[in-house]
Amino acid sequence: MEEGESILDGAKRELLEESGYEAREFILWESQQPLSKIEWSVYIFIAKGLTIKKDNLDAGEKIEHLPVTFDELIEIGIQDNFYEKEVAIQFMQAKYDPQKKAQLQELFKSL
């Protein structure tokens, strides 16, 4: 987040800058403070209703858009090299618990 920016406005700006997309809806999926000794919060949003708004990404951004199924998303989320360790446990739970999978699938369902 930039100074004076709300959490949601920061998420909207980062989505546009990092991917070129804007979204009609943002759902706060996860909020954590992973470290107790420093002020550092992690907010993870699910963006729905995406439209491409910007073809040219910021300098240095090398992002490939890769459409995946829900099951493929779960498999990506449980790999050792998956960056967002804060939510990897939820993907793991969804893989092995049908109720957790149904809840997560509902959350990720398109508009």
N, C-alpha and C. Protein backbone atom coordinates (compact mmCIF):
# COMPACT_ATOMS: atom_id res chain seq x y z
N MET A 1 0.83 -1.18 0.00
CA MET A 1 0.00 0.00 0.00
C MET A 1 0.88 1.24 0.00
N GLU A 2 0.39 2.23 -0.66
CA GLU A 2 1.09 3.50 -0.64
C GLU A 2 0.51 4.36 0.48
N GLU A 3 1.25 5.36 0.91
CA GLU A 3 0.81 6.19 2.02
C GLU A 3 -0.56 6.81 1.72
N GLY A 4 -1.47 6.68 2.68
CA GLY A 4 -2.80 7.24 2.55
C GLY A 4 -3.77 6.38 1.75
N GLU A 5 -3.32 5.25 1.29
CA GLU A 5 -4.13 4.37 0.45
C GLU A 5 -4.82 3.32 1.32
N SER A 6 -6.09 3.05 1.03
CA SER A 6 -6.79 2.00 1.77
C SER A 6 -6.30 0.63 1.29
N ILE A 7 -6.60 -0.39 2.07
CA ILE A 7 -6.21 -1.75 1.71
C ILE A 7 -6.83 -2.13 0.36
N LEU A 8 -8.12 -1.84 0.19
CA LEU A 8 -8.80 -2.18 -1.05
C LEU A 8 -8.25 -1.40 -2.23
N ASP A 9 -8.01 -0.10 -2.05
CA ASP A 9 -7.45 0.70 -3.14
C ASP A 9 -6.06 0.19 -3.53
N GLY A 10 -5.27 -0.24 -2.54
CA GLY A 10 -3.96 -0.82 -2.83
C GLY A 10 -4.08 -2.10 -3.63
N ALA A 11 -5.06 -2.94 -3.28
CA ALA A 11 -5.27 -4.18 -4.02
C ALA A 11 -5.69 -3.89 -5.46
N LYS A 12 -6.57 -2.92 -5.64
CA LYS A 12 -7.01 -2.56 -7.00
C LYS A 12 -5.84 -2.05 -7.84
N ARG A 13 -5.04 -1.17 -7.24
CA ARG A 13 -3.89 -0.61 -7.96
C ARG A 13 -2.88 -1.70 -8.31
N GLU A 14 -2.58 -2.57 -7.36
CA GLU A 14 -1.61 -3.63 -7.61
C GLU A 14 -2.10 -4.60 -8.68
N LEU A 15 -3.39 -4.94 -8.66
CA LEU A 15 -3.93 -5.82 -9.70
C LEU A 15 -3.72 -5.20 -11.08
N LEU A 16 -4.03 -3.92 -11.21
CA LEU A 16 -3.87 -3.24 -12.50
C LEU A 16 -2.39 -3.16 -12.90
N GLU A 17 -1.54 -2.74 -11.97
CA GLU A 17 -0.12 -2.59 -12.28
C GLU A 17 0.55 -3.92 -12.60
N GLU A 18 0.21 -4.96 -11.84
CA GLU A 18 0.89 -6.24 -11.97
C GLU A 18 0.34 -7.11 -13.10
N SER A 19 -0.96 -6.98 -13.39
CA SER A 19 -1.57 -7.88 -14.37
C SER A 19 -2.22 -7.19 -15.55
N GLY A 20 -2.54 -5.91 -15.40
CA GLY A 20 -3.25 -5.20 -16.45
C GLY A 20 -4.77 -5.34 -16.34
N TYR A 21 -5.25 -6.01 -15.32
CA TYR A 21 -6.69 -6.23 -15.15
C TYR A 21 -7.31 -5.30 -14.11
N GLU A 22 -8.61 -5.03 -14.30
CA GLU A 22 -9.46 -4.43 -13.28
C GLU A 22 -10.54 -5.44 -12.96
N ALA A 23 -11.12 -5.32 -11.76
CA ALA A 23 -12.15 -6.27 -11.33
C ALA A 23 -13.38 -5.51 -10.86
N ARG A 24 -14.55 -6.14 -11.06
CA ARG A 24 -15.81 -5.55 -10.57
C ARG A 24 -16.00 -5.81 -9.09
N GLU A 25 -15.43 -6.89 -8.58
CA GLU A 25 -15.65 -7.27 -7.19
C GLU A 25 -14.34 -7.77 -6.58
N PHE A 26 -14.11 -7.36 -5.34
CA PHE A 26 -12.97 -7.84 -4.57
C PHE A 26 -13.49 -8.46 -3.28
N ILE A 27 -13.03 -9.66 -2.98
CA ILE A 27 -13.40 -10.33 -1.74
C ILE A 27 -12.13 -10.54 -0.93
N LEU A 28 -12.13 -10.02 0.29
CA LEU A 28 -10.99 -10.25 1.17
C LEU A 28 -11.04 -11.69 1.64
N TRP A 29 -10.09 -12.49 1.19
CA TRP A 29 -10.06 -13.91 1.49
C TRP A 29 -9.30 -14.18 2.79
N GLU A 30 -8.19 -13.52 2.95
CA GLU A 30 -7.31 -13.83 4.08
C GLU A 30 -6.64 -12.55 4.54
N SER A 31 -6.51 -12.41 5.84
CA SER A 31 -5.81 -11.28 6.45
C SER A 31 -4.99 -11.83 7.60
N GLN A 32 -3.69 -11.58 7.59
CA GLN A 32 -2.81 -12.13 8.62
C GLN A 32 -1.73 -11.13 9.00
N GLN A 33 -1.23 -11.29 10.18
CA GLN A 33 -0.02 -10.59 10.61
C GLN A 33 0.98 -11.69 10.95
N PRO A 34 1.77 -12.14 9.96
CA PRO A 34 2.60 -13.32 10.14
C PRO A 34 3.77 -13.15 11.11
N LEU A 35 4.19 -11.93 11.35
CA LEU A 35 5.32 -11.71 12.27
C LEU A 35 4.86 -10.83 13.42
N SER A 36 5.28 -11.17 14.61
CA SER A 36 4.84 -10.41 15.78
C SER A 36 5.77 -9.26 16.14
N LYS A 37 7.01 -9.30 15.65
CA LYS A 37 7.99 -8.30 16.07
C LYS A 37 8.04 -7.08 15.16
N ILE A 38 7.41 -7.15 14.00
CA ILE A 38 7.37 -5.99 13.11
C ILE A 38 5.95 -5.79 12.61
N GLU A 39 5.64 -4.57 12.22
CA GLU A 39 4.32 -4.25 11.68
C GLU A 39 4.29 -4.67 10.21
N TRP A 40 3.69 -5.80 9.94
CA TRP A 40 3.60 -6.31 8.58
C TRP A 40 2.34 -7.13 8.46
N SER A 41 1.42 -6.67 7.65
CA SER A 41 0.16 -7.38 7.46
C SER A 41 0.08 -7.90 6.04
N VAL A 42 -0.59 -9.02 5.89
CA VAL A 42 -0.80 -9.64 4.58
C VAL A 42 -2.30 -9.69 4.33
N TYR A 43 -2.73 -9.13 3.20
CA TYR A 43 -4.13 -9.15 2.80
C TYR A 43 -4.20 -9.84 1.45
N ILE A 44 -5.04 -10.84 1.34
CA ILE A 44 -5.18 -11.58 0.09
C ILE A 44 -6.62 -11.46 -0.38
N PHE A 45 -6.79 -10.90 -1.57
CA PHE A 45 -8.10 -10.68 -2.15
C PHE A 45 -8.34 -11.65 -3.30
N ILE A 46 -9.59 -11.98 -3.52
CA ILE A 46 -10.02 -12.67 -4.73
C ILE A 46 -10.71 -11.61 -5.58
N ALA A 47 -10.24 -11.46 -6.81
CA ALA A 47 -10.80 -10.47 -7.73
C ALA A 47 -11.71 -11.19 -8.73
N LYS A 48 -12.93 -10.68 -8.87
CA LYS A 48 -13.91 -11.30 -9.78
C LYS A 48 -14.39 -10.29 -10.80
N GLY A 49 -14.85 -10.80 -11.93
CA GLY A 49 -15.35 -9.92 -12.99
C GLY A 49 -14.22 -9.15 -13.63
N LEU A 50 -13.19 -9.85 -14.06
CA LEU A 50 -11.99 -9.21 -14.60
C LEU A 50 -12.18 -8.71 -16.03
N THR A 51 -11.60 -7.55 -16.28
CA THR A 51 -11.51 -7.03 -17.65
C THR A 51 -10.10 -6.48 -17.83
N ILE A 52 -9.55 -6.70 -19.02
CA ILE A 52 -8.21 -6.21 -19.31
C ILE A 52 -8.30 -4.70 -19.57
N LYS A 53 -7.46 -3.95 -18.91
CA LYS A 53 -7.47 -2.49 -19.05
C LYS A 53 -6.14 -1.94 -19.52
N LYS A 54 -5.09 -2.74 -19.42
CA LYS A 54 -3.75 -2.22 -19.68
C LYS A 54 -2.92 -3.33 -20.30
N ASP A 55 -2.46 -3.12 -21.54
CA ASP A 55 -1.65 -4.12 -22.23
C ASP A 55 -0.19 -4.07 -21.81
N ASN A 56 0.29 -2.87 -21.58
CA ASN A 56 1.71 -2.70 -21.27
C ASN A 56 1.89 -2.63 -19.75
N LEU A 57 2.47 -3.68 -19.20
CA LEU A 57 2.68 -3.75 -17.76
C LEU A 57 3.87 -2.91 -17.36
N ASP A 58 3.97 -2.64 -16.07
CA ASP A 58 5.08 -1.85 -15.56
C ASP A 58 6.42 -2.51 -15.92
N ALA A 59 7.45 -1.70 -16.05
CA ALA A 59 8.77 -2.20 -16.40
C ALA A 59 9.19 -3.28 -15.42
N GLY A 60 9.74 -4.35 -15.94
CA GLY A 60 10.21 -5.43 -15.10
C GLY A 60 9.17 -6.50 -14.80
N GLU A 61 7.91 -6.24 -15.12
CA GLU A 61 6.85 -7.23 -14.86
C GLU A 61 6.86 -8.27 -15.99
N LYS A 62 7.00 -9.50 -15.61
CA LYS A 62 6.99 -10.60 -16.57
C LYS A 62 5.94 -11.59 -16.10
N ILE A 63 4.70 -11.32 -16.45
CA ILE A 63 3.59 -12.12 -15.98
C ILE A 63 2.92 -12.78 -17.17
N GLU A 64 2.65 -14.06 -17.02
CA GLU A 64 1.94 -14.82 -18.04
C GLU A 64 0.58 -15.20 -17.45
N HIS A 65 -0.49 -14.82 -18.14
CA HIS A 65 -1.83 -15.18 -17.70
C HIS A 65 -2.08 -16.63 -18.09
N LEU A 66 -2.44 -17.44 -17.12
CA LEU A 66 -2.60 -18.86 -17.33
C LEU A 66 -3.95 -19.32 -16.78
N PRO A 67 -4.94 -19.46 -17.65
CA PRO A 67 -6.24 -19.96 -17.17
C PRO A 67 -6.09 -21.40 -16.68
N VAL A 68 -6.67 -21.69 -15.51
CA VAL A 68 -6.61 -23.03 -14.94
C VAL A 68 -7.98 -23.40 -14.39
N THR A 69 -8.20 -24.69 -14.25
CA THR A 69 -9.42 -25.17 -13.59
C THR A 69 -9.24 -25.01 -12.08
N PHE A 70 -10.31 -25.19 -11.36
CA PHE A 70 -10.22 -25.10 -9.90
C PHE A 70 -9.28 -26.17 -9.34
N ASP A 71 -9.40 -27.39 -9.85
CA ASP A 71 -8.52 -28.46 -9.38
C ASP A 71 -7.06 -28.18 -9.70
N GLU A 72 -6.80 -27.59 -10.86
CA GLU A 72 -5.42 -27.21 -11.21
C GLU A 72 -4.91 -26.12 -10.26
N LEU A 73 -5.78 -25.19 -9.88
CA LEU A 73 -5.40 -24.14 -8.94
C LEU A 73 -4.98 -24.76 -7.60
N ILE A 74 -5.76 -25.72 -7.13
CA ILE A 74 -5.41 -26.39 -5.88
C ILE A 74 -4.03 -27.05 -5.99
N GLU A 75 -3.78 -27.74 -7.10
CA GLU A 75 -2.48 -28.40 -7.28
C GLU A 75 -1.34 -27.39 -7.31
N ILE A 76 -1.56 -26.25 -7.96
CA ILE A 76 -0.54 -25.20 -7.97
C ILE A 76 -0.30 -24.70 -6.55
N GLY A 77 -1.38 -24.52 -5.80
CA GLY A 77 -1.29 -23.97 -4.45
C GLY A 77 -0.63 -24.86 -3.42
N ILE A 78 -0.46 -26.14 -3.72
CA ILE A 78 0.18 -27.03 -2.74
C ILE A 78 1.62 -27.39 -3.13
N GLN A 79 2.10 -26.82 -4.22
CA GLN A 79 3.48 -27.08 -4.63
C GLN A 79 4.46 -26.34 -3.71
N ASP A 80 5.64 -26.91 -3.54
CA ASP A 80 6.66 -26.30 -2.69
C ASP A 80 7.05 -24.90 -3.14
N ASN A 81 7.00 -24.65 -4.44
CA ASN A 81 7.43 -23.35 -4.95
C ASN A 81 6.29 -22.33 -5.03
N PHE A 82 5.11 -22.67 -4.49
CA PHE A 82 4.01 -21.71 -4.46
C PHE A 82 4.36 -20.61 -3.48
N TYR A 83 4.30 -19.37 -3.94
CA TYR A 83 4.84 -18.23 -3.19
C TYR A 83 4.00 -17.87 -1.97
N GLU A 84 2.71 -17.95 -2.06
CA GLU A 84 1.83 -17.49 -0.99
C GLU A 84 1.63 -18.56 0.08
N LYS A 85 2.60 -18.72 0.93
CA LYS A 85 2.53 -19.74 1.99
C LYS A 85 1.37 -19.46 2.94
N GLU A 86 0.92 -18.20 3.01
CA GLU A 86 -0.17 -17.85 3.90
C GLU A 86 -1.47 -18.57 3.55
N VAL A 87 -1.65 -18.94 2.29
CA VAL A 87 -2.91 -19.60 1.89
C VAL A 87 -2.70 -21.04 1.41
N ALA A 88 -1.47 -21.49 1.33
CA ALA A 88 -1.21 -22.85 0.85
C ALA A 88 -1.90 -23.90 1.70
N ILE A 89 -2.00 -23.64 2.99
CA ILE A 89 -2.66 -24.61 3.87
C ILE A 89 -4.14 -24.76 3.49
N GLN A 90 -4.77 -23.68 3.06
CA GLN A 90 -6.18 -23.77 2.66
C GLN A 90 -6.35 -24.58 1.38
N PHE A 91 -5.39 -24.47 0.48
CA PHE A 91 -5.43 -25.30 -0.72
C PHE A 91 -5.22 -26.77 -0.35
N MET A 92 -4.34 -27.04 0.58
CA MET A 92 -4.10 -28.41 1.02
C MET A 92 -5.36 -28.99 1.67
N GLN A 93 -6.00 -28.21 2.52
CA GLN A 93 -7.24 -28.66 3.14
C GLN A 93 -8.30 -28.95 2.09
N ALA A 94 -8.40 -28.09 1.09
CA ALA A 94 -9.40 -28.28 0.02
C ALA A 94 -9.13 -29.55 -0.78
N LYS A 95 -7.87 -29.89 -0.93
CA LYS A 95 -7.53 -31.10 -1.68
C LYS A 95 -8.04 -32.36 -0.99
N TYR A 96 -8.00 -32.38 0.33
CA TYR A 96 -8.30 -33.61 1.07
C TYR A 96 -9.62 -33.60 1.85
N ASP A 97 -10.27 -32.45 1.94
CA ASP A 97 -11.53 -32.35 2.68
C ASP A 97 -12.62 -31.84 1.72
N PRO A 98 -13.58 -32.71 1.35
CA PRO A 98 -14.61 -32.32 0.39
C PRO A 98 -15.42 -31.08 0.82
N GLN A 99 -15.66 -30.94 2.10
CA GLN A 99 -16.42 -29.77 2.58
C GLN A 99 -15.61 -28.49 2.40
N LYS A 100 -14.33 -28.54 2.75
CA LYS A 100 -13.45 -27.37 2.56
C LYS A 100 -13.32 -27.03 1.08
N LYS A 101 -13.25 -28.08 0.25
CA LYS A 101 -13.15 -27.86 -1.19
C LYS A 101 -14.39 -27.17 -1.72
N ALA A 102 -15.56 -27.60 -1.28
CA ALA A 102 -16.81 -26.99 -1.74
C ALA A 102 -16.89 -25.52 -1.30
N GLN A 103 -16.46 -25.23 -0.08
CA GLN A 103 -16.47 -23.85 0.41
C GLN A 103 -15.53 -22.97 -0.40
N LEU A 104 -14.34 -23.48 -0.65
CA LEU A 104 -13.36 -22.71 -1.41
C LEU A 104 -13.80 -22.54 -2.86
N GLN A 105 -14.39 -23.58 -3.42
CA GLN A 105 -14.87 -23.51 -4.79
C GLN A 105 -15.98 -22.47 -4.92
N GLU A 106 -16.83 -22.39 -3.94
CA GLU A 106 -17.90 -21.37 -3.94
C GLU A 106 -17.30 -19.96 -3.90
N LEU A 107 -16.27 -19.79 -3.09
CA LEU A 107 -15.60 -18.50 -2.99
C LEU A 107 -14.96 -18.08 -4.30
N PHE A 108 -14.40 -19.05 -5.02
CA PHE A 108 -13.71 -18.77 -6.28
C PHE A 108 -14.64 -18.78 -7.49
N LYS A 109 -15.90 -19.08 -7.30
CA LYS A 109 -16.85 -19.15 -8.41
C LYS A 109 -16.96 -17.80 -9.09
N SER A 110 -17.08 -17.83 -10.41
CA SER A 110 -17.19 -16.59 -11.20
C SER A 110 -18.50 -15.88 -10.89
N LEU A 111 -18.50 -14.60 -11.23
CA LEU A 111 -19.73 -13.81 -11.08
C LEU A 111 -20.81 -14.32 -12.00
